[in-house]
Amino acid sequence: MNKWLIRGLLAATLLWFPLADLQAAQVENVRLWAAPDHARLVFDLASPTQANIFALDNPRRLVIDLDDSRMAADLAGIDLGGSAISRIRSGVRDGSGLRVVLELEREVEPRHFSLAPNDQYGHRLVVDLEYPGESAVQDPIDPIEAMIREQEIAANRPRVESGGAPAQVTPEPAVALQKAQPHPRRDIIIAIDPGHGGEDPGAIGPNGTREKDVVMEISRRLQRLVDEAEGFRAVMIRDGDYYIGLRQRTQIAREQKADFFVSIHADAFTSPRPNGSSVYALSQRGATSETAQWLAASENRADLIGGVDGNLSLRDKDEVLRGVLLDLTMTATLNDSLSIGGQVLDQLGRVNRLHRSRVEQAGFMVLKSPDIPSLLIETGFISNPDEERRLRDSSHQQSLARAMFSGLQDHFRRNPPPASLLAWQRDNNRSTGGNEYRIQPGDTLSQIAVRHNVSTDRLKQANELNGDVIRVGQVLRIPRT
C-alpha cells in the first residue's frame, strides 16, 4: 500500500478519536445535598445527554446510565454524610456510555429530570432520592399537639369563612353536658424558612457572600430565641444546605400545624446603593410597588434555579393559585400577616435602617398559604457592600433575629391562640368582669348557660365556639340578656 495513503489513514484515525471524545457529554462536576426526607444529586454536564435510571436489589443500588458520556469529576471527594448513599462509583458502559452506581443504605424512590443552562449553571441532570415515610423536618410536631391544633382550625373555620362574624350554631335538641377538659397549654408554633439553599445560592454580594448562608445563620439564631421562650416552639423548614420547592415550604408549615410562617431572605438590586430591611406580606391584587413586583418575580424564579421541575411554568401555577387567593379565608390570614408585619417592622427599625417604612405587599409564592399568617423578611441588601459586611457579622445577625422575635412575641402575647399556654396564662392572670366567667373543673356549657340565664346557643355564638369542648381556666363572655 502506498505509504502516503497509510499515513493519511493513520492521521485520520488519530483525529477521529479526539473528535469523538469532544462530542461526549462530559460530567464536569457532581454535587450532593442531603435533606431529612431526600437527597439531591446534580450532574453538571458540558452538553445535554439522555439518562436511564433503574434500581437493583441484593445489594440495594441505583444505576444511572448516561449516553455518550464520560466522567471527569472526582467522585471520591463527594461528602456522602447524611444521605442514603454509602458509595458512588462509575465506569464505561457499551464503549461510549457512562454508568454511575449509587450503593444505598435504605429504600429510596428516585426521580430525575434535566435542566437547561441559566445564569449560574450549565446543563444539569438532577436525580432526587426521596425517602418513603420520612418527615421533611427533623423534629416534627407531636401527634397530640397536632390534634389540638387541628381542632382549633376546625373551630375557627366557620368564623373565618363568614368574614369574621361569630359562628352560626344550629339549635341542638340535646343539652351540652361535656365537662370542661384540662387546658392543653400548647406551644405556639413558628415555622422558620431560610430562603434558597442547595444548588440555589440566592443573591451573591460583591465580596462573594451567598444569601443562602447568611439567612441560615439568622434563621438558626431566631430558632434558638423561639425555643428558649416559654410557650413557643420553632420548626425549621430547611435545616441544612439543601433546596426545598416554594410550594413545599408552605406545605411543610401546614403539616406541622404552624401558627405563623416567616421566610427569611437578603435583598439584592442591580445597583449597590439600596440598603435597609423590608417586610412583605402577600398582596391579592399584585405588588404595591415596582420594587416589590420585581423582587417577587426574582424570588419566585428560585424554583427554576432549584430545579423542582424541568418544565416549570410560573404563569400556569399562578393561574391555579388564583382559586386559593379568592378564598375568603385569605382575608383573615392576610389581616393577621399585616398586623404581625407591622410589629416586626417596628422592631427591625430599631436595629437597622428600613428600606420601606411600611409593610410591603407582593405575590411571593411562599406567602400564598390561605390558613397561616405569613411574612417574608428581607434582612438587608446583600448587593450593598456595607450591608453585606453587616449581614455577615454575628452580632448584627443576632440583633436582626431578636427584632423579628420581639415583633412576633408582642403580637401573640396580645392575641394568643385559644388552646395555647399564652392564652391560659392570660386568662388566669386577669380578673373577670361582670359579663365574664372563668371555667372551673366539672363545668359544662349547659350549666354555665343556666347559671347566667342565657341559651347555650347564644353562649356559643358570643364566644365563637363550634362545639361543646371547653377548657378549665378558659374565660367565657356572657351575653347580656
Protein backbone atom coordinates (compact mmCIF):
# COMPACT_ATOMS: atom_id res chain seq x y z
CA MET A 1 0.00 0.00 0.00
CA ASN A 2 1.23 3.47 -0.76
CA LYS A 3 3.00 4.90 2.27
CA TRP A 4 1.30 8.24 1.80
CA LEU A 5 -2.10 6.52 1.86
CA ILE A 6 -1.13 4.70 5.06
CA ARG A 7 -0.01 7.95 6.65
CA GLY A 8 -3.29 9.62 5.63
CA LEU A 9 -5.39 6.82 7.13
CA LEU A 10 -3.36 6.94 10.33
CA ALA A 11 -3.75 10.71 10.63
CA ALA A 12 -7.49 10.45 10.02
CA THR A 13 -7.75 7.75 12.72
CA LEU A 14 -5.83 9.85 15.25
CA LEU A 15 -8.02 12.84 14.50
CA TRP A 16 -11.22 10.80 14.85
CA PHE A 17 -10.66 9.81 18.50
CA PRO A 18 -10.33 13.36 19.90
CA LEU A 19 -13.37 14.41 17.86
CA ALA A 20 -15.49 11.59 19.30
CA ASP A 21 -14.23 12.42 22.77
CA LEU A 22 -15.23 16.06 22.37
CA GLN A 23 -18.73 15.03 21.32
CA ALA A 24 -19.23 13.08 24.59
CA ALA A 25 -21.35 14.71 27.31
CA GLN A 26 -18.62 15.20 29.86
CA VAL A 27 -19.69 15.14 33.53
CA GLU A 28 -17.72 18.10 34.83
CA ASN A 29 -18.89 18.00 38.43
CA VAL A 30 -21.21 16.05 40.76
CA ARG A 31 -22.88 17.81 43.71
CA LEU A 32 -24.86 16.24 46.55
CA TRP A 33 -27.25 17.81 49.08
CA ALA A 34 -28.74 15.73 51.90
CA ALA A 35 -32.09 16.62 53.50
CA PRO A 36 -34.06 14.76 56.21
CA ASP A 37 -36.52 13.31 53.68
CA HIS A 38 -34.48 13.22 50.46
CA ALA A 39 -31.09 13.62 48.83
CA ARG A 40 -30.43 15.51 45.60
CA LEU A 41 -27.61 14.58 43.22
CA VAL A 42 -26.78 17.07 40.47
CA PHE A 43 -24.58 16.21 37.48
CA ASP A 44 -23.07 19.28 35.80
CA LEU A 45 -22.75 18.44 32.09
CA ALA A 46 -20.76 20.03 29.27
CA SER A 47 -23.68 19.21 26.95
CA PRO A 48 -27.12 17.58 27.29
CA THR A 49 -27.48 13.81 27.24
CA GLN A 50 -30.09 11.08 27.70
CA ALA A 51 -30.30 9.30 31.05
CA ASN A 52 -31.77 5.96 32.08
CA ILE A 53 -32.19 5.24 35.80
CA PHE A 54 -33.19 1.95 37.42
CA ALA A 55 -32.88 0.20 40.79
CA LEU A 56 -31.23 -3.12 41.70
CA ASP A 57 -31.57 -5.23 44.85
CA ASN A 58 -29.31 -7.54 46.87
CA PRO A 59 -27.42 -5.33 47.46
CA ARG A 60 -29.57 -2.21 47.08
CA ARG A 61 -28.27 0.06 44.30
CA LEU A 62 -29.42 2.79 41.93
CA VAL A 63 -27.93 2.75 38.43
CA ILE A 64 -27.65 5.92 36.34
CA ASP A 65 -26.76 5.33 32.68
CA LEU A 66 -25.76 8.32 30.55
CA ASP A 67 -25.49 8.01 26.77
CA ASP A 68 -22.25 9.11 25.06
CA SER A 69 -20.75 10.46 28.27
CA ARG A 70 -17.60 10.26 30.32
CA MET A 71 -16.75 11.11 33.92
CA ALA A 72 -14.37 14.00 34.58
CA ALA A 73 -15.46 14.68 38.18
CA ASP A 74 -13.81 13.39 41.36
CA LEU A 75 -16.42 11.09 42.88
CA ALA A 76 -14.18 10.23 45.82
CA GLY A 77 -14.32 13.84 47.03
CA ILE A 78 -18.12 13.93 47.48
CA ASP A 79 -19.30 14.14 51.08
CA LEU A 80 -21.99 11.46 51.43
CA GLY A 81 -22.76 12.24 55.08
CA GLY A 82 -26.45 12.41 55.97
CA SER A 83 -27.58 10.81 52.71
CA ALA A 84 -28.79 7.30 51.89
CA ILE A 85 -25.73 6.78 49.67
CA SER A 86 -22.81 4.80 51.09
CA ARG A 87 -20.65 4.85 47.95
CA ILE A 88 -20.61 6.22 44.39
CA ARG A 89 -18.67 4.51 41.60
CA SER A 90 -18.62 4.84 37.82
CA GLY A 91 -17.43 3.00 34.75
CA VAL A 92 -17.64 2.83 30.97
CA ARG A 93 -20.80 1.27 29.52
CA ASP A 94 -21.04 -0.12 25.96
CA GLY A 95 -17.89 1.62 24.85
CA SER A 96 -19.14 5.22 24.76
CA GLY A 97 -21.66 5.40 27.61
CA LEU A 98 -21.20 6.13 31.31
CA ARG A 99 -22.62 4.09 34.18
CA VAL A 100 -22.82 5.62 37.68
CA VAL A 101 -23.79 3.27 40.52
CA LEU A 102 -25.07 4.52 43.87
CA GLU A 103 -24.76 1.98 46.67
CA LEU A 104 -27.67 2.63 49.03
CA GLU A 105 -28.23 2.12 52.75
CA ARG A 106 -32.03 2.34 52.60
CA GLU A 107 -35.02 2.23 50.28
CA VAL A 108 -35.44 5.26 48.02
CA GLU A 109 -37.94 6.48 45.46
CA PRO A 110 -35.91 8.05 42.63
CA ARG A 111 -36.97 10.67 40.12
CA HIS A 112 -34.88 12.65 37.67
CA PHE A 113 -35.10 15.50 35.19
CA SER A 114 -32.82 17.67 33.08
CA LEU A 115 -32.33 21.41 33.34
CA ALA A 116 -31.17 23.83 30.65
CA PRO A 117 -28.41 26.37 31.39
CA ASN A 118 -29.21 29.50 33.39
CA ASP A 119 -27.21 32.43 34.78
CA GLN A 120 -25.46 30.25 37.36
CA TYR A 121 -25.13 26.76 35.86
CA GLY A 122 -24.84 24.93 32.56
CA HIS A 123 -26.66 21.75 31.53
CA ARG A 124 -27.67 19.62 34.52
CA LEU A 125 -29.12 16.23 35.28
CA VAL A 126 -30.92 16.22 38.63
CA VAL A 127 -31.52 12.94 40.47
CA ASP A 128 -33.70 13.10 43.59
CA LEU A 129 -33.74 10.21 46.05
CA GLU A 130 -36.86 10.53 48.21
CA TYR A 131 -37.12 8.55 51.46
CA PRO A 132 -40.56 6.96 51.92
CA GLY A 133 -42.20 7.73 55.26
CA GLU A 134 -39.67 10.37 56.36
CA SER A 135 -40.62 13.85 57.54
CA ALA A 136 -39.13 16.91 55.86
CA VAL A 137 -38.36 18.39 59.30
CA GLN A 138 -36.01 16.87 61.84
CA ASP A 139 -38.27 17.41 64.86
CA PRO A 140 -41.88 17.02 63.69
CA ILE A 141 -44.81 18.16 65.79
CA ASP A 142 -46.15 15.83 68.48
CA PRO A 143 -49.31 13.95 67.31
CA ILE A 144 -51.33 15.13 70.34
CA GLU A 145 -50.31 18.72 69.73
CA ALA A 146 -51.25 18.30 66.07
CA MET A 147 -54.69 17.03 67.05
CA ILE A 148 -55.28 20.02 69.35
CA ARG A 149 -54.19 22.43 66.62
CA GLU A 150 -56.48 20.68 64.11
CA GLN A 151 -59.42 21.12 66.48
CA GLU A 152 -58.64 24.84 66.77
CA ILE A 153 -58.51 25.24 63.00
CA ALA A 154 -61.83 23.41 62.59
CA ALA A 155 -63.46 25.52 65.31
CA ASN A 156 -62.29 28.79 63.74
CA ARG A 157 -63.19 27.89 60.16
CA PRO A 158 -66.88 28.91 60.35
CA ARG A 159 -65.93 32.32 61.79
CA VAL A 160 -63.31 32.94 59.09
CA GLU A 161 -65.44 31.77 56.19
CA SER A 162 -68.26 34.05 57.26
CA GLY A 163 -65.95 37.05 57.02
CA GLY A 164 -65.15 37.29 60.73
CA ALA A 165 -68.73 37.15 62.05
CA PRO A 166 -69.49 34.89 65.02
CA ALA A 167 -70.03 31.26 64.18
CA GLN A 168 -73.63 30.41 63.36
CA VAL A 169 -74.56 27.49 65.55
CA THR A 170 -77.62 25.45 64.67
CA PRO A 171 -80.01 24.74 67.54
CA GLU A 172 -79.36 21.43 69.24
CA PRO A 173 -82.07 19.41 70.91
CA ALA A 174 -79.58 17.82 73.29
CA VAL A 175 -78.00 19.85 76.11
CA ALA A 176 -74.22 20.37 76.14
CA LEU A 177 -73.16 18.11 79.01
CA GLN A 178 -69.48 17.61 78.12
CA LYS A 179 -67.41 18.54 81.15
CA ALA A 180 -64.59 21.05 80.89
CA GLN A 181 -61.33 19.47 79.76
CA PRO A 182 -57.88 20.33 81.12
CA HIS A 183 -56.36 23.21 79.20
CA PRO A 184 -53.80 21.84 76.67
CA ARG A 185 -51.47 24.85 77.13
CA ARG A 186 -49.81 24.05 73.83
CA ASP A 187 -46.84 25.87 72.34
CA ILE A 188 -47.30 28.44 69.60
CA ILE A 189 -45.53 27.02 66.55
CA ILE A 190 -43.37 29.34 64.45
CA ALA A 191 -42.25 27.94 61.07
CA ILE A 192 -38.89 29.47 60.08
CA ASP A 193 -37.94 29.26 56.41
CA PRO A 194 -34.35 30.15 55.44
CA GLY A 195 -34.63 31.13 51.77
CA HIS A 196 -32.94 29.32 48.87
CA GLY A 197 -30.44 26.52 49.71
CA GLY A 198 -28.55 23.74 47.98
CA GLU A 199 -27.84 24.45 44.33
CA ASP A 200 -29.71 27.76 44.66
CA PRO A 201 -27.38 30.20 46.49
CA GLY A 202 -29.76 33.14 46.17
CA ALA A 203 -28.24 36.58 45.72
CA ILE A 204 -24.45 36.90 45.91
CA GLY A 205 -22.80 40.01 47.38
CA PRO A 206 -19.89 41.90 45.81
CA ASN A 207 -17.47 40.08 48.15
CA GLY A 208 -18.93 36.65 47.41
CA THR A 209 -21.32 36.33 50.37
CA ARG A 210 -24.11 33.92 49.49
CA GLU A 211 -27.66 34.71 50.56
CA LYS A 212 -28.42 31.10 51.49
CA ASP A 213 -25.59 31.08 54.07
CA VAL A 214 -26.47 34.40 55.70
CA VAL A 215 -30.18 33.66 56.05
CA MET A 216 -29.45 30.22 57.51
CA GLU A 217 -27.33 31.80 60.25
CA ILE A 218 -30.04 34.35 61.06
CA SER A 219 -32.73 31.64 60.97
CA ARG A 220 -30.85 29.43 63.42
CA ARG A 221 -30.45 32.36 65.79
CA LEU A 222 -34.19 33.02 65.52
CA GLN A 223 -34.87 29.33 66.13
CA ARG A 224 -32.90 29.42 69.39
CA LEU A 225 -34.76 32.53 70.59
CA VAL A 226 -38.14 30.95 69.81
CA ASP A 227 -37.30 27.64 71.50
CA GLU A 228 -35.93 29.38 74.60
CA ALA A 229 -39.15 31.38 75.08
CA GLU A 230 -41.86 29.78 77.21
CA GLY A 231 -44.91 28.86 75.18
CA PHE A 232 -43.20 28.91 71.78
CA ARG A 233 -41.64 26.27 69.55
CA ALA A 234 -39.75 26.63 66.29
CA VAL A 235 -39.97 24.38 63.24
CA MET A 236 -37.18 24.81 60.70
CA ILE A 237 -38.45 24.38 57.14
CA ARG A 238 -34.88 23.93 55.92
CA ASP A 239 -32.22 22.88 58.46
CA GLY A 240 -29.27 22.34 56.14
CA ASP A 241 -27.80 23.24 52.78
CA TYR A 242 -30.40 21.70 50.51
CA TYR A 243 -33.21 23.03 48.35
CA ILE A 244 -36.94 22.81 49.07
CA GLY A 245 -39.54 23.86 46.50
CA LEU A 246 -41.51 27.02 47.20
CA ARG A 247 -44.85 25.20 47.34
CA GLN A 248 -43.41 22.51 49.60
CA ARG A 249 -42.22 25.10 52.12
CA THR A 250 -45.76 26.22 52.91
CA GLN A 251 -46.94 22.62 52.77
CA ILE A 252 -44.41 21.64 55.45
CA ALA A 253 -45.57 24.52 57.64
CA ARG A 254 -49.16 23.36 57.27
CA GLU A 255 -48.26 19.74 58.06
CA GLN A 256 -46.53 20.94 61.23
CA LYS A 257 -49.65 22.94 62.22
CA ALA A 258 -47.71 26.20 62.30
CA ASP A 259 -49.38 29.29 63.75
CA PHE A 260 -47.06 31.57 61.79
CA PHE A 261 -44.68 31.26 58.83
CA VAL A 262 -41.69 33.54 58.27
CA SER A 263 -39.40 33.30 55.24
CA ILE A 264 -36.02 34.99 55.69
CA HIS A 265 -34.05 36.46 52.78
CA ALA A 266 -31.37 39.02 51.91
CA ASP A 267 -32.34 41.55 49.26
CA ALA A 268 -30.40 42.44 46.10
CA PHE A 269 -30.59 45.01 43.36
CA THR A 270 -28.71 45.90 40.19
CA SER A 271 -27.29 48.99 41.91
CA PRO A 272 -25.11 48.76 45.06
CA ARG A 273 -26.77 51.82 46.63
CA PRO A 274 -30.12 50.50 48.03
CA ASN A 275 -30.00 49.32 51.64
CA GLY A 276 -32.24 48.58 54.59
CA SER A 277 -34.64 45.90 55.79
CA SER A 278 -38.10 45.22 54.33
CA VAL A 279 -41.11 43.21 55.44
CA TYR A 280 -43.54 41.73 52.91
CA ALA A 281 -46.99 40.25 53.21
CA LEU A 282 -48.99 38.75 50.38
CA SER A 283 -50.88 41.02 48.01
CA GLN A 284 -54.03 39.55 46.50
CA ARG A 285 -54.02 42.05 43.65
CA GLY A 286 -50.35 42.20 42.76
CA ALA A 287 -47.41 44.15 44.07
CA THR A 288 -47.81 47.50 45.78
CA SER A 289 -44.67 48.95 44.21
CA GLU A 290 -42.40 48.31 41.23
CA THR A 291 -39.62 47.19 43.59
CA ALA A 292 -41.93 44.70 45.27
CA GLN A 293 -43.11 43.39 41.91
CA TRP A 294 -39.55 42.95 40.59
CA LEU A 295 -38.43 41.26 43.79
CA ALA A 296 -41.39 38.88 43.90
CA ALA A 297 -40.65 37.78 40.35
CA SER A 298 -36.99 37.12 41.16
CA GLU A 299 -37.78 35.16 44.33
CA ASN A 300 -40.49 33.13 42.60
CA ARG A 301 -37.97 32.16 39.91
CA ALA A 302 -35.99 30.28 42.55
CA ASP A 303 -37.73 27.04 41.56
CA LEU A 304 -36.23 27.40 38.09
CA ILE A 305 -32.77 27.55 39.67
CA GLY A 306 -33.52 24.87 42.24
CA GLY A 307 -34.86 22.55 39.58
CA VAL A 308 -38.18 21.46 41.04
CA ASP A 309 -39.49 20.78 37.57
CA GLY A 310 -37.65 20.96 34.30
CA ASN A 311 -40.76 22.38 32.60
CA LEU A 312 -41.90 24.73 35.36
CA SER A 313 -44.31 27.44 34.25
CA LEU A 314 -44.87 30.06 36.93
CA ARG A 315 -47.68 31.59 34.88
CA ASP A 316 -49.62 28.32 34.98
CA LYS A 317 -49.05 27.94 38.71
CA ASP A 318 -50.29 31.45 39.37
CA GLU A 319 -53.50 30.55 37.50
CA VAL A 320 -54.00 27.61 39.86
CA LEU A 321 -53.32 29.76 42.89
CA ARG A 322 -55.96 32.32 41.92
CA GLY A 323 -58.56 29.96 43.31
CA VAL A 324 -56.77 29.99 46.65
CA LEU A 325 -56.45 33.76 46.63
CA LEU A 326 -60.19 34.10 46.08
CA ASP A 327 -60.92 32.01 49.16
CA LEU A 328 -62.42 34.12 51.94
CA THR A 329 -60.09 32.58 54.50
CA MET A 330 -57.24 34.51 52.89
CA THR A 331 -58.72 37.80 54.03
CA ALA A 332 -58.45 36.94 57.72
CA THR A 333 -54.99 35.42 57.26
CA LEU A 334 -53.75 38.46 55.37
CA ASN A 335 -55.03 40.83 58.05
CA ASP A 336 -53.09 38.88 60.68
CA SER A 337 -50.00 38.92 58.45
CA LEU A 338 -50.16 42.69 58.08
CA SER A 339 -50.67 43.16 61.82
CA ILE A 340 -47.69 40.98 62.73
CA GLY A 341 -45.65 42.52 59.92
CA GLY A 342 -46.16 45.99 61.34
CA GLN A 343 -44.83 44.93 64.73
CA VAL A 344 -41.84 43.12 63.21
CA LEU A 345 -41.04 46.13 61.02
CA ASP A 346 -41.15 48.42 64.06
CA GLN A 347 -38.64 46.21 65.87
CA LEU A 348 -36.35 45.90 62.82
CA GLY A 349 -36.30 49.69 62.54
CA ARG A 350 -34.61 49.83 65.95
CA VAL A 351 -31.60 47.77 64.80
CA ASN A 352 -31.33 48.55 61.09
CA ARG A 353 -32.31 51.15 58.51
CA LEU A 354 -35.67 50.41 56.87
CA HIS A 355 -35.86 50.31 53.10
CA ARG A 356 -39.60 50.97 53.35
CA SER A 357 -41.41 52.45 56.34
CA ARG A 358 -44.46 50.21 55.93
CA VAL A 359 -45.22 46.56 55.25
CA GLU A 360 -44.99 45.99 51.50
CA GLN A 361 -47.22 43.51 49.67
CA ALA A 362 -46.25 41.32 46.73
CA GLY A 363 -47.09 37.96 45.16
CA PHE A 364 -44.45 35.80 46.83
CA MET A 365 -45.30 32.15 46.32
CA VAL A 366 -44.12 31.17 49.82
CA LEU A 367 -46.72 33.54 51.30
CA LYS A 368 -49.68 32.03 49.47
CA SER A 369 -50.98 29.96 52.35
CA PRO A 370 -54.70 30.54 52.96
CA ASP A 371 -54.67 29.48 56.61
CA ILE A 372 -51.28 30.52 58.04
CA PRO A 373 -50.32 34.17 58.60
CA SER A 374 -47.04 34.61 56.70
CA LEU A 375 -44.29 37.16 56.19
CA LEU A 376 -41.21 37.40 54.01
CA ILE A 377 -38.43 39.43 55.62
CA GLU A 378 -35.62 40.92 53.56
CA THR A 379 -32.96 41.44 56.24
CA GLY A 380 -30.90 43.85 54.12
CA PHE A 381 -29.36 44.39 50.70
CA ILE A 382 -26.56 41.90 50.18
CA SER A 383 -25.72 43.80 46.98
CA ASN A 384 -24.69 46.80 49.11
CA PRO A 385 -21.02 46.31 50.22
CA ASP A 386 -21.53 47.88 53.64
CA GLU A 387 -24.72 45.95 54.33
CA GLU A 388 -23.11 42.74 53.04
CA ARG A 389 -20.43 43.18 55.71
CA ARG A 390 -23.03 43.75 58.41
CA LEU A 391 -25.08 40.73 57.34
CA ARG A 392 -22.00 38.57 57.90
CA ASP A 393 -21.46 40.00 61.39
CA SER A 394 -22.68 37.64 64.14
CA SER A 395 -23.81 40.43 66.49
CA HIS A 396 -25.87 42.06 63.71
CA GLN A 397 -27.39 38.69 62.83
CA GLN A 398 -28.39 38.24 66.48
CA SER A 399 -29.91 41.74 66.59
CA LEU A 400 -31.98 41.01 63.48
CA ALA A 401 -33.20 37.69 64.90
CA ARG A 402 -34.07 39.31 68.23
CA ALA A 403 -36.01 42.08 66.49
CA MET A 404 -38.03 39.54 64.47
CA PHE A 405 -38.94 37.52 67.54
CA SER A 406 -39.79 40.59 69.59
CA GLY A 407 -42.38 41.56 66.99
CA LEU A 408 -43.83 38.04 66.88
CA GLN A 409 -43.88 37.73 70.65
CA ASP A 410 -45.64 41.07 71.11
CA HIS A 411 -48.39 40.01 68.70
CA PHE A 412 -49.02 36.58 70.21
CA ARG A 413 -48.99 37.88 73.75
CA ARG A 414 -51.87 40.15 72.79
CA ASN A 415 -53.58 37.61 70.51
CA PRO A 416 -52.74 34.09 71.73
CA PRO A 417 -54.37 31.07 70.06
CA PRO A 418 -57.16 29.73 72.33
CA ALA A 419 -55.50 26.44 73.34
CA SER A 420 -52.01 27.90 73.83
CA LEU A 421 -50.07 28.33 77.04
CA LEU A 422 -50.08 32.09 76.49
CA ALA A 423 -53.91 32.07 76.32
CA TRP A 424 -54.07 30.08 79.57
CA GLN A 425 -51.65 32.49 81.26
CA ARG A 426 -53.67 35.49 80.05
CA ASP A 427 -56.96 34.06 81.28
CA ASN A 428 -55.59 33.02 84.68
CA ASN A 429 -53.76 36.29 85.30
CA ARG A 430 -56.72 38.57 84.65
CA SER A 431 -59.71 39.30 86.82
CA THR A 432 -63.04 38.65 85.19
CA GLY A 433 -65.59 41.41 84.74
CA GLY A 434 -69.31 41.25 85.36
CA ASN A 435 -70.01 39.79 81.91
CA GLU A 436 -67.27 37.13 82.02
CA TYR A 437 -66.92 33.71 83.65
CA ARG A 438 -63.80 31.59 84.25
CA ILE A 439 -64.49 27.88 83.62
CA GLN A 440 -63.98 25.64 86.65
CA PRO A 441 -63.37 21.84 86.80
CA GLY A 442 -66.65 19.96 86.25
CA ASP A 443 -68.39 22.81 84.41
CA THR A 444 -70.44 22.18 81.27
CA LEU A 445 -71.76 24.70 78.76
CA SER A 446 -75.33 23.85 79.74
CA GLN A 447 -74.65 24.50 83.42
CA ILE A 448 -72.94 27.82 82.68
CA ALA A 449 -75.79 28.88 80.38
CA VAL A 450 -78.47 28.07 83.00
CA ARG A 451 -76.43 29.77 85.74
CA HIS A 452 -76.30 33.02 83.73
CA ASN A 453 -79.81 32.77 82.30
CA VAL A 454 -78.76 32.56 78.62
CA SER A 455 -79.22 29.87 76.00
CA THR A 456 -76.40 27.51 75.13
CA ASP A 457 -76.53 28.66 71.52
CA ARG A 458 -76.13 32.32 72.49
CA LEU A 459 -73.21 31.40 74.75
CA LYS A 460 -71.54 29.57 71.87
CA GLN A 461 -72.12 32.43 69.46
CA ALA A 462 -70.74 35.02 71.87
CA ASN A 463 -67.54 33.01 72.29
CA GLU A 464 -67.29 31.70 68.71
CA LEU A 465 -67.46 28.09 69.88
CA ASN A 466 -68.08 25.48 67.21
CA GLY A 467 -68.66 22.59 69.62
CA ASP A 468 -69.13 21.69 73.26
CA VAL A 469 -65.42 21.46 74.18
CA ILE A 470 -64.47 23.94 76.91
CA ARG A 471 -61.24 24.21 78.89
CA VAL A 472 -60.61 24.68 82.61
CA GLY A 473 -59.40 28.25 83.15
CA GLN A 474 -60.91 29.50 79.89
CA VAL A 475 -62.78 32.81 80.22
CA LEU A 476 -66.18 33.00 78.54
CA ARG A 477 -68.02 36.18 77.59
CA ILE A 478 -71.57 36.10 78.94
CA PRO A 479 -74.01 37.78 76.51
CA ARG A 480 -76.36 40.29 78.03
CA THR A 481 -79.97 39.17 78.29
